[in-house]
Amino acid sequence: MTNMKVTKEREDLKNMDPAELNKKINALRRELFSLRLNAATAHVKDYSQFGKLRRQIARAVTELTSRSKAQS
């Protein structure tokens, strides 16, 4: 991802409410699971997707965690 896309993605995460963030995290985790299944059963075109998805999940979880700590 280019720096511009990462910045846009972070802004999108900051604008989401906690319920939307949880939905996004769950969707990304399901996508990663599907990718892992495809890797086990068939050929995956782009193996860099694994890292990209893990980073997206980490960004969303970090945003959610920082919000919950800020409210405490």
PDB file of N, CA and C in Angstrom:
ATOM      1  N   MET A   1       0.830  -1.174   0.000  1.00  0.00           N
ATOM      2  CA  MET A   1       0.000   0.000   0.000  1.00  0.00           C
ATOM      3  C   MET A   1       0.875   1.237   0.000  1.00  0.00           C
ATOM      4  N   THR A   2       0.450   2.211  -0.729  1.00  0.00           N
ATOM      5  CA  THR A   2       1.211   3.447  -0.714  1.00  0.00           C
ATOM      6  C   THR A   2       0.867   4.249   0.533  1.00  0.00           C
ATOM      7  N   ASN A   3       1.701   5.212   0.826  1.00  0.00           N
ATOM      8  CA  ASN A   3       1.515   6.025   2.026  1.00  0.00           C
ATOM      9  C   ASN A   3       0.166   6.747   2.008  1.00  0.00           C
ATOM     10  N   MET A   4      -0.274   7.177   0.820  1.00  0.00           N
ATOM     11  CA  MET A   4      -1.537   7.893   0.699  1.00  0.00           C
ATOM     12  C   MET A   4      -2.712   6.983   1.063  1.00  0.00           C
ATOM     13  N   LYS A   5      -2.657   5.718   0.628  1.00  0.00           N
ATOM     14  CA  LYS A   5      -3.723   4.776   0.941  1.00  0.00           C
ATOM     15  C   LYS A   5      -3.768   4.472   2.430  1.00  0.00           C
ATOM     16  N   VAL A   6      -2.599   4.349   3.055  1.00  0.00           N
ATOM     17  CA  VAL A   6      -2.536   4.067   4.479  1.00  0.00           C
ATOM     18  C   VAL A   6      -3.125   5.229   5.264  1.00  0.00           C
ATOM     19  N   THR A   7      -2.790   6.457   4.869  1.00  0.00           N
ATOM     20  CA  THR A   7      -3.313   7.639   5.534  1.00  0.00           C
ATOM     21  C   THR A   7      -4.834   7.698   5.395  1.00  0.00           C
ATOM     22  N   LYS A   8      -5.338   7.407   4.217  1.00  0.00           N
ATOM     23  CA  LYS A   8      -6.787   7.412   3.981  1.00  0.00           C
ATOM     24  C   LYS A   8      -7.453   6.336   4.828  1.00  0.00           C
ATOM     25  N   GLU A   9      -6.837   5.160   4.895  1.00  0.00           N
ATOM     26  CA  GLU A   9      -7.401   4.061   5.672  1.00  0.00           C
ATOM     27  C   GLU A   9      -7.450   4.419   7.154  1.00  0.00           C
ATOM     28  N   ARG A  10      -6.401   5.048   7.673  1.00  0.00           N
ATOM     29  CA  ARG A  10      -6.385   5.455   9.080  1.00  0.00           C
ATOM     30  C   ARG A  10      -7.457   6.488   9.365  1.00  0.00           C
ATOM     31  N   GLU A  11      -7.651   7.422   8.451  1.00  0.00           N
ATOM     32  CA  GLU A  11      -8.708   8.423   8.620  1.00  0.00           C
ATOM     33  C   GLU A  11     -10.080   7.753   8.625  1.00  0.00           C
ATOM     34  N   ASP A  12     -10.266   6.775   7.744  1.00  0.00           N
ATOM     35  CA  ASP A  12     -11.532   6.047   7.712  1.00  0.00           C
ATOM     36  C   ASP A  12     -11.776   5.327   9.036  1.00  0.00           C
ATOM     37  N   LEU A  13     -10.737   4.730   9.586  1.00  0.00           N
ATOM     38  CA  LEU A  13     -10.874   4.021  10.864  1.00  0.00           C
ATOM     39  C   LEU A  13     -11.205   4.991  11.990  1.00  0.00           C
ATOM     40  N   LYS A  14     -10.612   6.176  11.971  1.00  0.00           N
ATOM     41  CA  LYS A  14     -10.881   7.162  13.017  1.00  0.00           C
ATOM     42  C   LYS A  14     -12.312   7.667  12.951  1.00  0.00           C
ATOM     43  N   ASN A  15     -12.908   7.664  11.757  1.00  0.00           N
ATOM     44  CA  ASN A  15     -14.269   8.164  11.584  1.00  0.00           C
ATOM     45  C   ASN A  15     -15.333   7.110  11.905  1.00  0.00           C
ATOM     46  N   MET A  16     -14.942   5.862  12.070  1.00  0.00           N
ATOM     47  CA  MET A  16     -15.898   4.793  12.368  1.00  0.00           C
ATOM     48  C   MET A  16     -16.223   4.766  13.857  1.00  0.00           C
ATOM     49  N   ASP A  17     -17.453   4.364  14.165  1.00  0.00           N
ATOM     50  CA  ASP A  17     -17.773   4.170  15.576  1.00  0.00           C
ATOM     51  C   ASP A  17     -17.335   2.761  15.989  1.00  0.00           C
ATOM     52  N   PRO A  18     -17.289   2.479  17.294  1.00  0.00           N
ATOM     53  CA  PRO A  18     -16.768   1.180  17.756  1.00  0.00           C
ATOM     54  C   PRO A  18     -17.497  -0.033  17.162  1.00  0.00           C
ATOM     55  N   ALA A  19     -18.789   0.060  16.972  1.00  0.00           N
ATOM     56  CA  ALA A  19     -19.529  -1.064  16.389  1.00  0.00           C
ATOM     57  C   ALA A  19     -19.081  -1.321  14.953  1.00  0.00           C
ATOM     58  N   GLU A  20     -18.894  -0.241  14.189  1.00  0.00           N
ATOM     59  CA  GLU A  20     -18.412  -0.384  12.811  1.00  0.00           C
ATOM     60  C   GLU A  20     -17.002  -0.953  12.778  1.00  0.00           C
ATOM     61  N   LEU A  21     -16.166  -0.519  13.732  1.00  0.00           N
ATOM     62  CA  LEU A  21     -14.804  -1.041  13.807  1.00  0.00           C
ATOM     63  C   LEU A  21     -14.810  -2.539  14.071  1.00  0.00           C
ATOM     64  N   ASN A  22     -15.666  -2.981  14.982  1.00  0.00           N
ATOM     65  CA  ASN A  22     -15.767  -4.414  15.259  1.00  0.00           C
ATOM     66  C   ASN A  22     -16.217  -5.190  14.021  1.00  0.00           C
ATOM     67  N   LYS A  23     -17.170  -4.635  13.277  1.00  0.00           N
ATOM     68  CA  LYS A  23     -17.616  -5.286  12.043  1.00  0.00           C
ATOM     69  C   LYS A  23     -16.481  -5.369  11.027  1.00  0.00           C
ATOM     70  N   LYS A  24     -15.709  -4.279  10.931  1.00  0.00           N
ATOM     71  CA  LYS A  24     -14.576  -4.240   9.992  1.00  0.00           C
ATOM     72  C   LYS A  24     -13.525  -5.285  10.381  1.00  0.00           C
ATOM     73  N   ILE A  25     -13.228  -5.365  11.682  1.00  0.00           N
ATOM     74  CA  ILE A  25     -12.249  -6.342  12.166  1.00  0.00           C
ATOM     75  C   ILE A  25     -12.713  -7.754  11.862  1.00  0.00           C
ATOM     76  N   ASN A  26     -13.975  -8.043  12.137  1.00  0.00           N
ATOM     77  CA  ASN A  26     -14.506  -9.385  11.868  1.00  0.00           C
ATOM     78  C   ASN A  26     -14.476  -9.712  10.381  1.00  0.00           C
ATOM     79  N   ALA A  27     -14.804  -8.736   9.547  1.00  0.00           N
ATOM     80  CA  ALA A  27     -14.776  -8.960   8.098  1.00  0.00           C
ATOM     81  C   ALA A  27     -13.352  -9.232   7.614  1.00  0.00           C
ATOM     82  N   LEU A  28     -12.391  -8.465   8.139  1.00  0.00           N
ATOM     83  CA  LEU A  28     -10.995  -8.679   7.739  1.00  0.00           C
ATOM     84  C   LEU A  28     -10.495 -10.037   8.211  1.00  0.00           C
ATOM     85  N   ARG A  29     -10.889 -10.452   9.412  1.00  0.00           N
ATOM     86  CA  ARG A  29     -10.477 -11.766   9.917  1.00  0.00           C
ATOM     87  C   ARG A  29     -11.082 -12.893   9.084  1.00  0.00           C
ATOM     88  N   ARG A  30     -12.339 -12.731   8.670  1.00  0.00           N
ATOM     89  CA  ARG A  30     -12.958 -13.740   7.796  1.00  0.00           C
ATOM     90  C   ARG A  30     -12.235 -13.803   6.451  1.00  0.00           C
ATOM     91  N   GLU A  31     -11.858 -12.643   5.936  1.00  0.00           N
ATOM     92  CA  GLU A  31     -11.132 -12.586   4.664  1.00  0.00           C
ATOM     93  C   GLU A  31      -9.775 -13.279   4.781  1.00  0.00           C
ATOM     94  N   LEU A  32      -9.081 -13.060   5.890  1.00  0.00           N
ATOM     95  CA  LEU A  32      -7.794 -13.713   6.118  1.00  0.00           C
ATOM     96  C   LEU A  32      -7.976 -15.226   6.232  1.00  0.00           C
ATOM     97  N   PHE A  33      -9.038 -15.645   6.921  1.00  0.00           N
ATOM     98  CA  PHE A  33      -9.331 -17.074   7.044  1.00  0.00           C
ATOM     99  C   PHE A  33      -9.587 -17.689   5.668  1.00  0.00           C
ATOM    100  N   SER A  34     -10.371 -17.012   4.842  1.00  0.00           N
ATOM    101  CA  SER A  34     -10.652 -17.505   3.489  1.00  0.00           C
ATOM    102  C   SER A  34      -9.373 -17.613   2.668  1.00  0.00           C
ATOM    103  N   LEU A  35      -8.512 -16.623   2.822  1.00  0.00           N
ATOM    104  CA  LEU A  35      -7.242 -16.637   2.092  1.00  0.00           C
ATOM    105  C   LEU A  35      -6.386 -17.819   2.535  1.00  0.00           C
ATOM    106  N   ARG A  36      -6.375 -18.087   3.837  1.00  0.00           N
ATOM    107  CA  ARG A  36      -5.622 -19.235   4.346  1.00  0.00           C
ATOM    108  C   ARG A  36      -6.190 -20.548   3.815  1.00  0.00           C
ATOM    109  N   LEU A  37      -7.514 -20.652   3.755  1.00  0.00           N
ATOM    110  CA  LEU A  37      -8.129 -21.863   3.199  1.00  0.00           C
ATOM    111  C   LEU A  37      -7.749 -22.036   1.735  1.00  0.00           C
ATOM    112  N   ASN A  38      -7.798 -20.947   0.989  1.00  0.00           N
ATOM    113  CA  ASN A  38      -7.419 -21.013  -0.423  1.00  0.00           C
ATOM    114  C   ASN A  38      -5.959 -21.403  -0.586  1.00  0.00           C
ATOM    115  N   ALA A  39      -5.106 -20.929   0.290  1.00  0.00           N
ATOM    116  CA  ALA A  39      -3.689 -21.273   0.212  1.00  0.00           C
ATOM    117  C   ALA A  39      -3.483 -22.757   0.496  1.00  0.00           C
ATOM    118  N   ALA A  40      -4.301 -23.312   1.370  1.00  0.00           N
ATOM    119  CA  ALA A  40      -4.161 -24.721   1.723  1.00  0.00           C
ATOM    120  C   ALA A  40      -4.739 -25.630   0.644  1.00  0.00           C
ATOM    121  N   THR A  41      -5.778 -25.176  -0.032  1.00  0.00           N
ATOM    122  CA  THR A  41      -6.462 -26.037  -0.983  1.00  0.00           C
ATOM    123  C   THR A  41      -6.137 -25.724  -2.445  1.00  0.00           C
ATOM    124  N   ALA A  42      -5.745 -24.485  -2.715  1.00  0.00           N
ATOM    125  CA  ALA A  42      -5.503 -24.085  -4.097  1.00  0.00           C
ATOM    126  C   ALA A  42      -4.345 -23.090  -4.136  1.00  0.00           C
ATOM    127  N   HIS A  43      -4.074 -22.612  -5.307  1.00  0.00           N
ATOM    128  CA  HIS A  43      -2.982 -21.664  -5.495  1.00  0.00           C
ATOM    129  C   HIS A  43      -3.463 -20.245  -5.216  1.00  0.00           C
ATOM    130  N   VAL A  44      -2.681 -19.487  -4.487  1.00  0.00           N
ATOM    131  CA  VAL A  44      -2.991 -18.086  -4.216  1.00  0.00           C
ATOM    132  C   VAL A  44      -2.112 -17.232  -5.118  1.00  0.00           C
ATOM    133  N   LYS A  45      -2.715 -16.267  -5.800  1.00  0.00           N
ATOM    134  CA  LYS A  45      -1.971 -15.428  -6.735  1.00  0.00           C
ATOM    135  C   LYS A  45      -0.972 -14.524  -6.027  1.00  0.00           C
ATOM    136  N   ASP A  46      -1.419 -13.877  -4.956  1.00  0.00           N
ATOM    137  CA  ASP A  46      -0.608 -12.834  -4.326  1.00  0.00           C
ATOM    138  C   ASP A  46      -0.432 -13.134  -2.838  1.00  0.00           C
ATOM    139  N   TYR A  47       0.719 -13.676  -2.479  1.00  0.00           N
ATOM    140  CA  TYR A  47       0.964 -14.034  -1.089  1.00  0.00           C
ATOM    141  C   TYR A  47       1.185 -12.810  -0.200  1.00  0.00           C
ATOM    142  N   SER A  48       1.406 -11.658  -0.783  1.00  0.00           N
ATOM    143  CA  SER A  48       1.567 -10.450   0.030  1.00  0.00           C
ATOM    144  C   SER A  48       0.248 -10.038   0.687  1.00  0.00           C
ATOM    145  N   GLN A  49      -0.862 -10.602   0.210  1.00  0.00           N
ATOM    146  CA  GLN A  49      -2.170 -10.308   0.808  1.00  0.00           C
ATOM    147  C   GLN A  49      -2.217 -10.713   2.282  1.00  0.00           C
ATOM    148  N   PHE A  50      -1.487 -11.761   2.652  1.00  0.00           N
ATOM    149  CA  PHE A  50      -1.482 -12.200   4.054  1.00  0.00           C
ATOM    150  C   PHE A  50      -0.993 -11.073   4.959  1.00  0.00           C
ATOM    151  N   GLY A  51       0.128 -10.504   4.624  1.00  0.00           N
ATOM    152  CA  GLY A  51       0.693  -9.423   5.429  1.00  0.00           C
ATOM    153  C   GLY A  51      -0.167  -8.177   5.411  1.00  0.00           C
ATOM    154  N   LYS A  52      -0.713  -7.866   4.243  1.00  0.00           N
ATOM    155  CA  LYS A  52      -1.555  -6.679   4.125  1.00  0.00           C
ATOM    156  C   LYS A  52      -2.796  -6.801   5.010  1.00  0.00           C
ATOM    157  N   LEU A  53      -3.418  -7.966   4.989  1.00  0.00           N
ATOM    158  CA  LEU A  53      -4.607  -8.174   5.818  1.00  0.00           C
ATOM    159  C   LEU A  53      -4.266  -8.127   7.305  1.00  0.00           C
ATOM    160  N   ARG A  54      -3.141  -8.750   7.681  1.00  0.00           N
ATOM    161  CA  ARG A  54      -2.748  -8.722   9.095  1.00  0.00           C
ATOM    162  C   ARG A  54      -2.495  -7.296   9.568  1.00  0.00           C
ATOM    163  N   ARG A  55      -1.873  -6.482   8.721  1.00  0.00           N
ATOM    164  CA  ARG A  55      -1.623  -5.089   9.085  1.00  0.00           C
ATOM    165  C   ARG A  55      -2.919  -4.294   9.188  1.00  0.00           C
ATOM    166  N   GLN A  56      -3.862  -4.541   8.287  1.00  0.00           N
ATOM    167  CA  GLN A  56      -5.150  -3.851   8.356  1.00  0.00           C
ATOM    168  C   GLN A  56      -5.890  -4.217   9.642  1.00  0.00           C
ATOM    169  N   ILE A  57      -5.839  -5.497  10.003  1.00  0.00           N
ATOM    170  CA  ILE A  57      -6.473  -5.943  11.241  1.00  0.00           C
ATOM    171  C   ILE A  57      -5.806  -5.267  12.433  1.00  0.00           C
ATOM    172  N   ALA A  58      -4.489  -5.221  12.426  1.00  0.00           N
ATOM    173  CA  ALA A  58      -3.751  -4.609  13.532  1.00  0.00           C
ATOM    174  C   ALA A  58      -4.086  -3.123  13.660  1.00  0.00           C
ATOM    175  N   ARG A  59      -4.203  -2.432  12.542  1.00  0.00           N
ATOM    176  CA  ARG A  59      -4.549  -1.009  12.595  1.00  0.00           C
ATOM    177  C   ARG A  59      -5.931  -0.803  13.205  1.00  0.00           C
ATOM    178  N   ALA A  60      -6.881  -1.625  12.794  1.00  0.00           N
ATOM    179  CA  ALA A  60      -8.250  -1.489  13.305  1.00  0.00           C
ATOM    180  C   ALA A  60      -8.307  -1.824  14.796  1.00  0.00           C
ATOM    181  N   VAL A  61      -7.625  -2.883  15.209  1.00  0.00           N
ATOM    182  CA  VAL A  61      -7.615  -3.263  16.622  1.00  0.00           C
ATOM    183  C   VAL A  61      -6.923  -2.192  17.450  1.00  0.00           C
ATOM    184  N   THR A  62      -5.850  -1.628  16.938  1.00  0.00           N
ATOM    185  CA  THR A  62      -5.136  -0.567  17.643  1.00  0.00           C
ATOM    186  C   THR A  62      -6.034   0.652  17.838  1.00  0.00           C
ATOM    187  N   GLU A  63      -6.759   1.028  16.815  1.00  0.00           N
ATOM    188  CA  GLU A  63      -7.676   2.162  16.913  1.00  0.00           C
ATOM    189  C   GLU A  63      -8.760   1.895  17.959  1.00  0.00           C
ATOM    190  N   LEU A  64      -9.312   0.698  17.938  1.00  0.00           N
ATOM    191  CA  LEU A  64     -10.359   0.324  18.901  1.00  0.00           C
ATOM    192  C   LEU A  64      -9.816   0.329  20.317  1.00  0.00           C
ATOM    193  N   THR A  65      -8.633  -0.199  20.508  1.00  0.00           N
ATOM    194  CA  THR A  65      -8.014  -0.258  21.832  1.00  0.00           C
ATOM    195  C   THR A  65      -7.677   1.135  22.352  1.00  0.00           C
ATOM    196  N   SER A  66      -7.154   1.986  21.486  1.00  0.00           N
ATOM    197  CA  SER A  66      -6.799   3.335  21.923  1.00  0.00           C
ATOM    198  C   SER A  66      -8.039   4.123  22.330  1.00  0.00           C
ATOM    199  N   ARG A  67      -9.152   3.886  21.652  1.00  0.00           N
ATOM    200  CA  ARG A  67     -10.400   4.552  22.035  1.00  0.00           C
ATOM    201  C   ARG A  67     -10.894   4.069  23.388  1.00  0.00           C
ATOM    202  N   SER A  68     -10.834   2.776  23.610  1.00  0.00           N
ATOM    203  CA  SER A  68     -11.328   2.244  24.885  1.00  0.00           C
ATOM    204  C   SER A  68     -10.456   2.709  26.044  1.00  0.00           C
ATOM    205  N   LYS A  69      -9.149   2.837  25.820  1.00  0.00           N
ATOM    206  CA  LYS A  69      -8.257   3.335  26.866  1.00  0.00           C
ATOM    207  C   LYS A  69      -8.471   4.826  27.111  1.00  0.00           C
ATOM    208  N   ALA A  70      -8.808   5.562  26.065  1.00  0.00           N
ATOM    209  CA  ALA A  70      -9.044   7.004  26.201  1.00  0.00           C
ATOM    210  C   ALA A  70     -10.321   7.272  27.006  1.00  0.00           C
ATOM    211  N   GLN A  71     -11.297   6.389  26.905  1.00  0.00           N
ATOM    212  CA  GLN A  71     -12.550   6.563  27.640  1.00  0.00           C
ATOM    213  C   GLN A  71     -12.407   6.196  29.102  1.00  0.00           C
ATOM    214  N   SER A  72     -11.424   5.365  29.420  1.00  0.00           N
ATOM    215  CA  SER A  72     -11.238   4.916  30.804  1.00  0.00           C
ATOM    216  C   SER A  72     -10.625   5.985  31.672  1.00  0.00           C
TER     217      SER A  72
END
